[in-house]
Every structure is written in C-alpha cells, then in structure tokens.
Amino acid sequence: MTLFRSLFVATRLWFSLIAIVLLFVAAYAFPILFPLMQVVFAVFIILIGIDGWLLFRKNTTGKPAFFARRELPERLSNGDENPLTIYLENRYTFRVDVDVIDEIPFQFQRRDVLFRARLNPRETQAIRYELRPTRRGEYSFGAVNVFVLSPLGLLKRRYKFEQGKTVAVYPSFLQMRQYELLAATNRLSEVGVKRIRRIGHSMEFEQVRPYTTGDDIRTINWKATSRRAHSPNTALMINAYQDERSQPVYCLIDKGRVMQSPFDGLSLLDYAINASLVLSNIALMKQDRAGILTFSDHIGQLLPADRRSGHMLKILELLYRQRTRFLETDYENLYASVRAHIRQRSLLLLFTNFETVSGMHRQLLYLRRLAKDHLLLVIFFENTELRNLLDTPAADTEQIYFKTIGEKFSFEKKQIVKELAQYGIQTILTAPQNLTANTINKYLELKARGMI
C-alpha cells in the first residue's frame, strides 16, 4: 500500500502513452505497422518496469535513496522577508530530477512553493527562499514533499519528510537588529534617519578629549589645553558631552478598531508594534529607559520604563501578545492610567489614528491633560491608498467627485496636525511604511533640543 501511495505518473509517460495509442489507431489503416507497434508497446512496458525498479530498489547502505530537510529560524519576523533553506541529498547512483513542494503555513495563502532541481549522483544542493508573514502568532509548517524522477522520466517516486514544526511570528526583530547595527556604526542615514544638529548643551559631561575636525570650538577646554602645552603630542582639548541619560520613554499603543486598517498586508497596529520595538531598542542604546502601555476600550498591559538587562526581551514578549480590539478607544482610561502609574515627566509616543478633526476633538481634552504633565508625541497615519487616488488624474466626473472627497480627508489630517501644534502637542503624520524612520527622527530631534 505504501508503494502505491509513493508512486506517481510523470508527464513523459502520459505523452508516450498518447503517442502509442495514436500509432495503434494508425495501424488499422496501415496493418503493416501493427507488429511494430506491438514491439514498441512491449518495450514501453519494460521501460516502465525498469524505471520503477530504479526508483524503488533498496539502497545498499540501508538509508533512503533520497534525503531532504528544511532549516528555518526559531522564530519569524513580522513584516520582513525571512530566509528558509531546504537541503537535498541524492543518494542514488544516477542523476535525478526532483520537484520539491514545501507545505508552508496556511496563513501565507501561497500555492506556488514548488522548486525544481537536478542532482548528480551523491550530490547535495540547497534551495533558499523567503517568506513574509503579516500577522503575529503561531505558524505551523508541514512536510517536505520531494518527487524524484530517474533519467527515464516515466514514473515519479514521492518522498515525504515529516518535518512538521510550529514557529512563532514575533514583531519585526530583524528590523530592530538592522537599526541597532546602523546606529552602532553611525549609518542610520541609510534608512532615512536624519543627522540632527544639537542645540545648546542640555547634555551631561562625559570626558575631556583631543579636538577633532567638526567639533564645536565653544567646547574647547583651555585649562586642559594649557597643561598639555609642553607635551610632545600637543593638541587642543575639548569637553565632550553626551545626551542626558535615563529619561523615561513610553510607547502608548492604541489597540482599538482605528488600528485595524491594513496597508501592504500589515495592520496599523502591527506597524505601531514594529516601530515601538525599534524605538525602544534605540532608546536603550541612548541610555534612556523604555516602557510600553497598550490600551483600547480598557487598559491592556503596562511595562514600566527600565533599562536593565533583559528588558528588551520583556518588551518583545509583551508586544507579541497584543491583538486588535474592535471597540472604540477610551482616552479617559488612558489618561487615568498614565497619571496613576507614570509619575515622572516622560516622553509619551502615542500611536493612534485620527481620520477626522471631529474625531480628534472628542479626545482633545485628554491629550491636553497628558501634554501638561509629559512631553506628548501623537503619531498617526496617512492613508496611502488615498494619496495614490489623489495623484491619479481624473478621467471622468465620477473620479473628480472621488478626488474632491479624498482632498477633504487629506486636508483634515493636515488640520489635525495644526490644531494639536496650537496646544503644544508634538505630532507625526506619516505613511505606514515610513513610520519607524520618522519616529526615530523625531525622538532624536527632541533629545537634541533638550525637550526630554
């Protein structure tokens, strides 16, 4: 029974069989062909038998004649291309062609994970491909199916390697590592993070060091320079400063229904979660303390700001568990929770979405109260689909009507920014794809201006 489950007919066999049938039909018109076709058919049956024997004969080593395994990370990064590898090993004594079908999780909704390869005797190959998940949670991988054809190519033998594995899709830790590496090597400008000119000296003294080109001449330490006047390595000495440390930075993440909208496969909540993870890591690298608070119709989870070892892992696990709720967000609850649990003046990065000015006005009282005790940064999103509509020329009256309505919504977003600025509330209006870079830019700008 197992033999028949592993046996499949190749395309070449079907074409050969059709050709033989047509020739047999022709033999009725030309009887001289009939004996020849009997010989051809007998040879065809013998070749099928030989092909089956080649594919199913036992290996002298006792191992399967073909081997495959899948290698994948312990966890996947949400919204990123995650690398996977399938290793193939041909233990046959002849060249084989293979079709590899990987049973990937249903969440990807892909039916094209089919790879073809040709392996010589005793050869190994690696097939590499990428998967981009768009939802956090657990993903279950199934078996790796390999269909092997001998040089005759009439039959296929299926090898099914049971490599079922469940992996978790976490917030974008690959993006976090990318920004971490670029920050460590002063290359953040490569991903859109601007170099911020520092204003004044609202920073802590770090050390006295030699002057280098580009340093502010106002920081020259003349006393330290004079003491080195008779040294063979005479150089101007300057006072080096660093950003003030241990400032609390909280990401307040709205989980209400306004964060459910998807862009490029990811919901606004997932964009906010990915940006919060990266920003928290950058804040810790800047010696600040990072914390998280999630909310919707009620307060979700609060992770107090900290910078001790292992804190990033706590942030990652907390963000992994968040889910969108389909109710309206309660900002009164948010204000009460912040007032009760965040006593020290902090930078609050509020990830939410306002579509209309009237929607913002309903929450303005609580936003002003938050801004009174803390430095509040409200982050909300441009509708990129709407922007694409506005950039497309109108072809008829109906499209002019749609564009007019779109202009109204676009104007309201900009009006929200202006009205919040009147109350001293910092804002970011950004496309979802640019959220992380724009958030880091604003954070660094606020630090440079000494506002936190």
Protein backbone atom coordinates (compact mmCIF):
# COMPACT_ATOMS: atom_id res chain seq x y z
CA MET A 1 0.00 0.00 0.00
CA THR A 2 2.86 2.36 0.87
CA LEU A 3 4.37 1.65 -2.56
CA PHE A 4 1.28 2.84 -4.41
CA ARG A 5 0.99 5.97 -2.24
CA SER A 6 4.52 6.90 -3.26
CA LEU A 7 4.09 6.10 -6.97
CA PHE A 8 3.09 8.85 -9.41
CA VAL A 9 2.94 9.02 -13.19
CA ALA A 10 5.25 11.53 -14.88
CA THR A 11 4.20 13.77 -17.75
CA ARG A 12 6.54 11.95 -20.15
CA LEU A 13 4.66 8.68 -19.59
CA TRP A 14 1.31 10.29 -20.50
CA PHE A 15 2.70 11.80 -23.69
CA SER A 16 4.34 8.49 -24.62
CA LEU A 17 1.11 6.60 -23.98
CA ILE A 18 -0.90 9.05 -26.13
CA ALA A 19 1.62 8.67 -28.96
CA ILE A 20 1.41 4.86 -28.79
CA VAL A 21 -2.41 4.93 -28.84
CA LEU A 22 -2.39 7.19 -31.90
CA LEU A 23 0.05 4.87 -33.67
CA PHE A 24 -2.15 1.87 -32.87
CA VAL A 25 -5.08 3.74 -34.41
CA ALA A 26 -2.94 4.42 -37.48
CA ALA A 27 -2.14 0.69 -37.64
CA TYR A 28 -5.79 -0.02 -38.52
CA ALA A 29 -5.29 1.98 -41.71
CA PHE A 30 -1.79 0.59 -42.28
CA PRO A 31 -1.76 -3.02 -40.98
CA ILE A 32 1.98 -3.29 -41.63
CA LEU A 33 2.52 -1.06 -38.56
CA PHE A 34 0.66 -3.35 -36.18
CA PRO A 35 3.51 -5.86 -35.44
CA LEU A 36 5.92 -2.95 -35.00
CA MET A 37 3.57 -1.26 -32.52
CA GLN A 38 3.28 -4.46 -30.52
CA VAL A 39 7.06 -4.45 -30.12
CA VAL A 40 7.07 -0.74 -29.21
CA PHE A 41 4.36 -1.29 -26.61
CA ALA A 42 6.23 -4.23 -25.08
CA VAL A 43 9.43 -2.14 -24.85
CA PHE A 44 7.38 0.67 -23.29
CA ILE A 45 6.06 -1.66 -20.57
CA ILE A 46 9.58 -2.97 -19.90
CA LEU A 47 10.91 0.61 -19.57
CA ILE A 48 8.18 1.40 -17.05
CA GLY A 49 9.23 -1.64 -15.03
CA ILE A 50 12.91 -0.66 -15.17
CA ASP A 51 12.06 2.90 -14.12
CA GLY A 52 10.06 1.64 -11.16
CA TRP A 53 12.90 -0.70 -10.14
CA LEU A 54 15.45 2.12 -10.31
CA LEU A 55 13.34 4.38 -8.14
CA PHE A 56 12.19 1.86 -5.53
CA ARG A 57 15.13 -0.50 -5.18
CA LYS A 58 16.69 -0.57 -1.72
CA ASN A 59 19.86 1.37 -1.07
CA THR A 60 22.89 -0.76 -0.16
CA THR A 61 23.51 1.46 2.87
CA GLY A 62 20.04 0.83 4.24
CA LYS A 63 19.25 4.56 4.16
CA PRO A 64 16.57 6.19 1.96
CA ALA A 65 17.85 6.78 -1.57
CA PHE A 66 16.98 10.46 -1.25
CA PHE A 67 17.02 12.84 1.71
CA ALA A 68 15.68 16.34 2.36
CA ARG A 69 15.34 18.59 5.37
CA ARG A 70 14.07 22.10 5.99
CA GLU A 71 16.01 24.64 8.02
CA LEU A 72 14.13 27.64 9.37
CA PRO A 73 14.64 30.15 12.21
CA GLU A 74 13.33 29.50 15.70
CA ARG A 75 11.00 32.46 15.18
CA LEU A 76 9.95 34.61 12.23
CA SER A 77 9.98 38.40 11.98
CA ASN A 78 6.65 40.03 11.17
CA GLY A 79 6.58 42.14 8.01
CA ASP A 80 10.09 41.08 6.94
CA GLU A 81 11.44 38.60 4.41
CA ASN A 82 12.57 35.60 6.47
CA PRO A 83 15.09 33.18 4.90
CA LEU A 84 14.37 29.44 4.74
CA THR A 85 16.54 26.67 3.31
CA ILE A 86 15.73 23.16 2.05
CA TYR A 87 18.74 20.84 1.83
CA LEU A 88 18.62 18.00 -0.73
CA GLU A 89 20.89 14.94 -0.91
CA ASN A 90 20.85 12.48 -3.82
CA ARG A 91 21.95 9.01 -2.65
CA TYR A 92 21.05 7.32 -5.93
CA THR A 93 23.81 6.10 -8.23
CA PHE A 94 22.37 8.07 -11.15
CA ARG A 95 21.30 11.62 -11.90
CA VAL A 96 17.79 12.58 -10.78
CA ASP A 97 15.39 15.45 -11.41
CA VAL A 98 13.29 16.47 -8.44
CA ASP A 99 10.20 18.57 -7.74
CA VAL A 100 10.13 19.90 -4.18
CA ILE A 101 6.87 21.05 -2.60
CA ASP A 102 7.14 22.61 0.85
CA GLU A 103 3.99 22.60 2.99
CA ILE A 104 4.13 26.14 4.35
CA PRO A 105 1.57 27.55 6.87
CA PHE A 106 -1.87 28.38 5.51
CA GLN A 107 -1.55 32.00 6.69
CA PHE A 108 0.69 32.76 3.71
CA GLN A 109 -2.03 31.72 1.22
CA ARG A 110 0.58 30.64 -1.31
CA ARG A 111 0.33 27.66 -3.65
CA ASP A 112 3.49 28.34 -5.63
CA VAL A 113 6.12 26.96 -3.27
CA LEU A 114 7.39 24.48 -5.88
CA PHE A 115 11.07 24.13 -6.71
CA ARG A 116 12.79 22.07 -9.41
CA ALA A 117 16.36 20.84 -9.25
CA ARG A 118 18.71 18.35 -10.90
CA LEU A 119 21.19 16.44 -8.76
CA ASN A 120 24.06 14.26 -9.88
CA PRO A 121 24.90 11.04 -8.01
CA ARG A 122 25.87 11.73 -4.36
CA GLU A 123 25.34 15.46 -4.86
CA THR A 124 23.82 17.82 -2.29
CA GLN A 125 22.03 21.09 -3.04
CA ALA A 126 20.43 23.88 -1.02
CA ILE A 127 17.22 25.63 -2.09
CA ARG A 128 16.80 29.03 -0.47
CA TYR A 129 13.64 31.10 -0.46
CA GLU A 130 11.93 33.72 1.69
CA LEU A 131 8.56 34.11 3.41
CA ARG A 132 6.99 37.37 4.61
CA PRO A 133 4.42 36.90 7.38
CA THR A 134 1.97 39.74 8.01
CA ARG A 135 0.39 38.61 11.28
CA ARG A 136 1.86 37.74 14.64
CA GLY A 137 1.10 34.34 16.16
CA GLU A 138 1.95 30.68 15.68
CA TYR A 139 2.59 29.26 12.19
CA SER A 140 2.67 25.51 11.54
CA PHE A 141 4.89 24.05 8.82
CA GLY A 142 4.06 20.65 7.36
CA ALA A 143 6.09 18.04 5.49
CA VAL A 144 8.66 18.49 2.74
CA ASN A 145 7.49 16.52 -0.33
CA VAL A 146 10.08 15.51 -2.92
CA PHE A 147 9.10 13.87 -6.24
CA VAL A 148 12.08 12.07 -7.79
CA LEU A 149 12.43 11.20 -11.49
CA SER A 150 15.10 8.90 -12.91
CA PRO A 151 16.75 9.63 -16.30
CA LEU A 152 13.94 7.62 -17.95
CA GLY A 153 11.42 10.11 -16.54
CA LEU A 154 8.34 7.87 -16.80
CA LEU A 155 7.49 7.48 -13.12
CA LYS A 156 7.89 9.62 -10.01
CA ARG A 157 8.60 8.46 -6.51
CA ARG A 158 7.40 10.67 -3.70
CA TYR A 159 9.48 11.05 -0.56
CA LYS A 160 7.62 12.69 2.30
CA PHE A 161 9.84 14.01 5.04
CA GLU A 162 7.71 14.73 8.09
CA GLN A 163 9.24 17.90 9.42
CA GLY A 164 6.19 19.49 10.99
CA LYS A 165 7.18 22.41 13.16
CA THR A 166 5.37 25.32 14.78
CA VAL A 167 7.19 28.64 14.94
CA ALA A 168 6.09 31.96 16.40
CA VAL A 169 5.97 35.15 14.35
CA TYR A 170 7.24 37.99 16.54
CA PRO A 171 7.29 41.75 15.96
CA SER A 172 9.95 42.84 13.50
CA PHE A 173 13.13 41.90 15.35
CA LEU A 174 15.04 41.82 12.03
CA GLN A 175 14.24 45.49 11.54
CA MET A 176 15.27 46.13 15.14
CA ARG A 177 18.65 44.47 14.56
CA GLN A 178 19.13 46.44 11.33
CA TYR A 179 18.59 49.77 13.08
CA GLU A 180 20.70 48.64 16.02
CA LEU A 181 23.63 47.82 13.73
CA LEU A 182 23.29 51.06 11.78
CA ALA A 183 23.09 53.08 14.99
CA ALA A 184 26.20 51.38 16.36
CA THR A 185 28.13 52.23 13.17
CA ASN A 186 26.65 55.75 12.76
CA ARG A 187 24.93 54.79 9.47
CA LEU A 188 21.30 55.48 10.37
CA SER A 189 21.09 57.96 7.49
CA GLU A 190 21.00 54.95 5.13
CA VAL A 191 17.44 54.16 6.28
CA GLY A 192 16.14 57.72 6.35
CA VAL A 193 17.19 58.81 9.84
CA LYS A 194 18.49 62.37 9.68
CA ARG A 195 21.55 63.78 11.40
CA ILE A 196 20.22 66.22 13.99
CA ARG A 197 22.15 69.38 14.84
CA ARG A 198 22.34 69.67 18.60
CA ILE A 199 21.15 72.92 20.13
CA GLY A 200 22.95 74.18 23.24
CA HIS A 201 24.40 71.91 25.90
CA SER A 202 21.44 70.33 27.67
CA MET A 203 23.62 67.25 27.97
CA GLU A 204 25.78 65.56 30.59
CA PHE A 205 29.55 65.97 30.70
CA GLU A 206 31.31 62.79 29.54
CA GLN A 207 35.07 63.36 29.20
CA VAL A 208 37.91 65.65 28.10
CA ARG A 209 39.37 64.52 24.78
CA PRO A 210 41.51 65.89 21.91
CA TYR A 211 39.85 68.17 19.39
CA THR A 212 38.90 66.65 16.04
CA THR A 213 37.63 68.33 12.88
CA GLY A 214 33.96 69.19 13.17
CA ASP A 215 33.87 69.62 16.96
CA ASP A 216 32.23 72.75 18.36
CA ILE A 217 35.01 75.25 19.17
CA ARG A 218 32.89 76.55 22.04
CA THR A 219 33.62 73.32 23.92
CA ILE A 220 37.42 73.86 23.96
CA ASN A 221 38.83 73.38 27.47
CA TRP A 222 41.60 75.98 27.61
CA LYS A 223 42.89 74.86 31.02
CA ALA A 224 43.34 71.26 29.87
CA THR A 225 44.94 72.52 26.65
CA SER A 226 47.47 74.68 28.54
CA ARG A 227 48.51 71.75 30.74
CA ARG A 228 49.49 69.86 27.56
CA ALA A 229 51.37 72.80 26.07
CA HIS A 230 54.78 71.22 26.71
CA SER A 231 53.69 67.71 25.78
CA PRO A 232 55.10 66.23 22.53
CA ASN A 233 51.51 65.46 21.46
CA THR A 234 50.15 68.96 21.89
CA ALA A 235 46.53 69.28 20.82
CA LEU A 236 43.51 71.32 21.67
CA MET A 237 41.38 69.61 24.31
CA ILE A 238 37.61 69.85 24.38
CA ASN A 239 34.84 68.91 26.77
CA ALA A 240 32.82 66.04 25.32
CA TYR A 241 29.16 65.80 26.22
CA GLN A 242 26.60 63.07 25.88
CA ASP A 243 22.83 63.12 25.88
CA GLU A 244 21.15 63.21 29.25
CA ARG A 245 20.57 59.64 30.33
CA SER A 246 17.80 57.66 31.97
CA GLN A 247 14.90 59.66 30.54
CA PRO A 248 11.67 57.60 30.55
CA VAL A 249 10.32 56.92 27.06
CA TYR A 250 6.90 55.26 26.81
CA CYS A 251 5.20 53.90 23.70
CA LEU A 252 1.42 54.15 24.13
CA ILE A 253 -0.17 51.81 21.59
CA ASP A 254 -3.83 52.15 20.63
CA LYS A 255 -5.36 48.70 20.01
CA GLY A 256 -8.82 49.98 19.07
CA ARG A 257 -10.63 49.50 15.81
CA VAL A 258 -8.94 52.52 14.19
CA MET A 259 -5.72 50.48 14.14
CA GLN A 260 -7.20 47.56 12.22
CA SER A 261 -6.76 49.04 8.72
CA PRO A 262 -4.26 47.05 6.59
CA PHE A 263 -1.56 48.59 4.38
CA ASP A 264 0.74 46.33 2.35
CA GLY A 265 -0.57 43.35 4.29
CA LEU A 266 0.21 44.72 7.77
CA SER A 267 -2.35 46.33 10.06
CA LEU A 268 -1.65 49.76 11.55
CA LEU A 269 -1.33 48.03 14.92
CA ASP A 270 1.50 45.87 13.59
CA TYR A 271 3.25 48.91 12.11
CA ALA A 272 2.98 50.60 15.51
CA ILE A 273 4.26 47.50 17.31
CA ASN A 274 7.25 47.15 14.96
CA ALA A 275 8.12 50.84 15.35
CA SER A 276 7.75 50.61 19.15
CA LEU A 277 10.15 47.69 19.27
CA VAL A 278 12.80 49.52 17.23
CA LEU A 279 12.33 52.82 19.08
CA SER A 280 12.57 51.11 22.47
CA ASN A 281 15.84 49.48 21.45
CA ILE A 282 17.26 52.80 20.18
CA ALA A 283 16.18 54.49 23.43
CA LEU A 284 18.01 51.86 25.48
CA MET A 285 21.10 52.35 23.31
CA LYS A 286 20.85 56.08 24.11
CA GLN A 287 20.83 55.13 27.83
CA ASP A 288 17.15 56.10 28.23
CA ARG A 289 14.54 53.90 29.87
CA ALA A 290 11.88 52.33 27.65
CA GLY A 291 8.37 51.31 28.62
CA ILE A 292 5.15 50.15 26.93
CA LEU A 293 1.47 50.79 27.62
CA THR A 294 -1.30 49.29 25.47
CA PHE A 295 -4.93 50.40 25.58
CA SER A 296 -8.27 50.26 23.78
CA ASP A 297 -11.69 50.33 25.45
CA HIS A 298 -9.75 49.44 28.61
CA ILE A 299 -6.11 49.46 29.66
CA GLY A 300 -4.21 46.47 28.33
CA GLN A 301 -0.71 45.96 29.68
CA LEU A 302 1.81 48.31 31.26
CA LEU A 303 5.54 47.62 31.30
CA PRO A 304 7.28 50.29 33.43
CA ALA A 305 10.20 52.10 31.83
CA ASP A 306 13.51 50.41 32.60
CA ARG A 307 16.89 49.77 31.01
CA ARG A 308 18.16 46.74 32.91
CA SER A 309 19.49 43.65 31.20
CA GLY A 310 16.72 41.53 29.70
CA HIS A 311 14.28 44.43 29.40
CA MET A 312 14.17 44.24 25.59
CA LEU A 313 13.09 40.60 25.82
CA LYS A 314 10.20 41.64 28.08
CA ILE A 315 9.19 44.30 25.55
CA LEU A 316 9.35 41.78 22.69
CA GLU A 317 7.19 39.25 24.53
CA LEU A 318 4.64 41.88 25.55
CA LEU A 319 4.30 43.22 22.00
CA TYR A 320 3.98 39.69 20.61
CA ARG A 321 0.80 39.10 22.62
CA GLN A 322 -1.09 42.22 21.51
CA ARG A 323 -4.26 41.91 19.42
CA THR A 324 -6.58 44.47 17.83
CA ARG A 325 -9.86 45.04 19.66
CA PHE A 326 -12.87 46.12 17.64
CA LEU A 327 -14.22 48.68 20.11
CA GLU A 328 -13.74 52.44 20.40
CA THR A 329 -10.70 53.59 22.34
CA ASP A 330 -11.28 55.09 25.80
CA TYR A 331 -8.85 58.00 26.23
CA GLU A 332 -10.21 58.85 29.67
CA ASN A 333 -8.99 55.46 30.89
CA LEU A 334 -5.64 56.11 29.24
CA TYR A 335 -5.21 59.45 30.99
CA ALA A 336 -6.17 57.98 34.37
CA SER A 337 -3.72 55.10 33.95
CA VAL A 338 -0.83 57.36 32.88
CA ARG A 339 -1.50 59.69 35.80
CA ALA A 340 -1.58 56.79 38.26
CA HIS A 341 1.45 54.85 37.03
CA ILE A 342 3.79 57.29 35.24
CA ARG A 343 4.70 59.89 37.84
CA GLN A 344 7.97 61.18 36.37
CA ARG A 345 7.87 63.52 33.37
CA SER A 346 8.35 61.27 30.33
CA LEU A 347 8.28 61.23 26.57
CA LEU A 348 4.97 59.63 25.56
CA LEU A 349 4.78 58.37 21.98
CA LEU A 350 1.09 57.82 21.30
CA PHE A 351 0.48 55.53 18.30
CA THR A 352 -3.11 56.01 17.14
CA ASN A 353 -5.09 57.13 14.10
CA PHE A 354 -7.42 60.09 13.61
CA GLU A 355 -9.37 60.23 10.36
CA THR A 356 -11.27 63.47 11.01
CA VAL A 357 -10.87 66.67 13.01
CA SER A 358 -14.10 65.94 14.88
CA GLY A 359 -12.72 62.55 15.91
CA MET A 360 -9.63 64.26 17.31
CA HIS A 361 -11.73 66.90 19.10
CA ARG A 362 -13.51 64.17 21.08
CA GLN A 363 -10.16 63.18 22.60
CA LEU A 364 -8.50 66.61 22.71
CA LEU A 365 -9.25 67.23 26.39
CA TYR A 366 -7.34 64.11 27.45
CA LEU A 367 -4.49 64.79 25.02
CA ARG A 368 -4.05 68.26 26.51
CA ARG A 369 -4.01 66.83 30.02
CA LEU A 370 -1.36 64.30 29.03
CA ALA A 371 0.72 67.05 27.41
CA LYS A 372 0.50 69.14 30.58
CA ASP A 373 2.47 66.59 32.65
CA HIS A 374 4.56 64.93 29.94
CA LEU A 375 6.08 65.55 26.53
CA LEU A 376 3.39 64.06 24.28
CA LEU A 377 4.09 62.99 20.70
CA VAL A 378 0.97 61.94 18.78
CA ILE A 379 1.73 59.65 15.84
CA PHE A 380 -0.97 58.94 13.28
CA PHE A 381 -1.10 57.72 9.70
CA GLU A 382 -1.55 58.96 6.18
CA ASN A 383 -3.88 56.89 4.02
CA THR A 384 -1.50 55.83 1.24
CA GLU A 385 -4.37 54.47 -0.87
CA LEU A 386 -5.99 57.88 -0.68
CA ARG A 387 -2.73 59.55 -1.66
CA ASN A 388 -2.47 57.27 -4.72
CA LEU A 389 -6.00 58.29 -5.68
CA LEU A 390 -5.13 61.99 -5.42
CA ASP A 391 -2.00 61.51 -7.54
CA THR A 392 -4.00 59.87 -10.36
CA PRO A 393 -5.51 62.27 -12.95
CA ALA A 394 -9.32 62.24 -13.03
CA ALA A 395 -10.72 60.77 -16.24
CA ASP A 396 -14.43 61.47 -15.73
CA THR A 397 -16.94 63.24 -13.49
CA GLU A 398 -17.18 60.35 -11.06
CA GLN A 399 -13.43 60.34 -10.46
CA ILE A 400 -13.49 64.12 -9.95
CA TYR A 401 -16.12 63.55 -7.26
CA PHE A 402 -13.98 60.88 -5.59
CA LYS A 403 -10.88 63.09 -5.71
CA THR A 404 -12.78 66.00 -4.15
CA ILE A 405 -13.83 63.83 -1.23
CA GLY A 406 -10.28 62.49 -0.96
CA GLU A 407 -8.89 66.03 -0.82
CA LYS A 408 -11.25 66.76 2.06
CA PHE A 409 -9.97 63.79 4.08
CA SER A 410 -6.36 64.67 3.28
CA PHE A 411 -6.93 68.28 4.38
CA GLU A 412 -8.46 67.12 7.67
CA LYS A 413 -5.33 65.12 8.50
CA LYS A 414 -3.18 68.21 7.99
CA GLN A 415 -5.63 70.29 10.02
CA ILE A 416 -5.27 67.86 12.93
CA VAL A 417 -1.50 68.47 12.92
CA LYS A 418 -2.03 72.26 13.04
CA GLU A 419 -4.61 72.15 15.82
CA LEU A 420 -2.52 69.89 18.04
CA ALA A 421 0.50 72.15 17.49
CA GLN A 422 -1.55 75.08 18.83
CA TYR A 423 -1.72 73.28 22.17
CA GLY A 424 1.99 72.46 22.20
CA ILE A 425 1.47 68.81 21.26
CA GLN A 426 4.14 67.30 19.01
CA THR A 427 2.86 65.25 16.04
CA ILE A 428 3.99 62.91 13.30
CA LEU A 429 1.77 62.35 10.26
CA THR A 430 3.41 59.55 8.31
CA ALA A 431 2.84 56.84 5.76
CA PRO A 432 2.83 53.43 7.49
CA GLN A 433 5.93 52.29 5.57
CA ASN A 434 7.93 55.30 6.87
CA LEU A 435 6.74 55.07 10.46
CA THR A 436 9.90 53.67 12.05
CA ALA A 437 12.36 56.09 10.46
CA ASN A 438 10.13 59.12 11.12
CA THR A 439 9.60 58.12 14.75
CA ILE A 440 13.34 57.72 15.36
CA ASN A 441 13.98 61.08 13.64
CA LYS A 442 11.52 62.82 15.95
CA TYR A 443 12.90 61.11 19.06
CA LEU A 444 16.45 62.18 18.21
CA GLU A 445 15.24 65.70 17.39
CA LEU A 446 13.51 66.04 20.76
CA LYS A 447 16.63 64.82 22.55
CA ALA A 448 18.82 67.25 20.59
CA ARG A 449 16.52 70.13 21.54
CA GLY A 450 16.74 69.14 25.20
CA MET A 451 12.98 68.67 25.49
CA ILE A 452 13.37 65.33 27.30
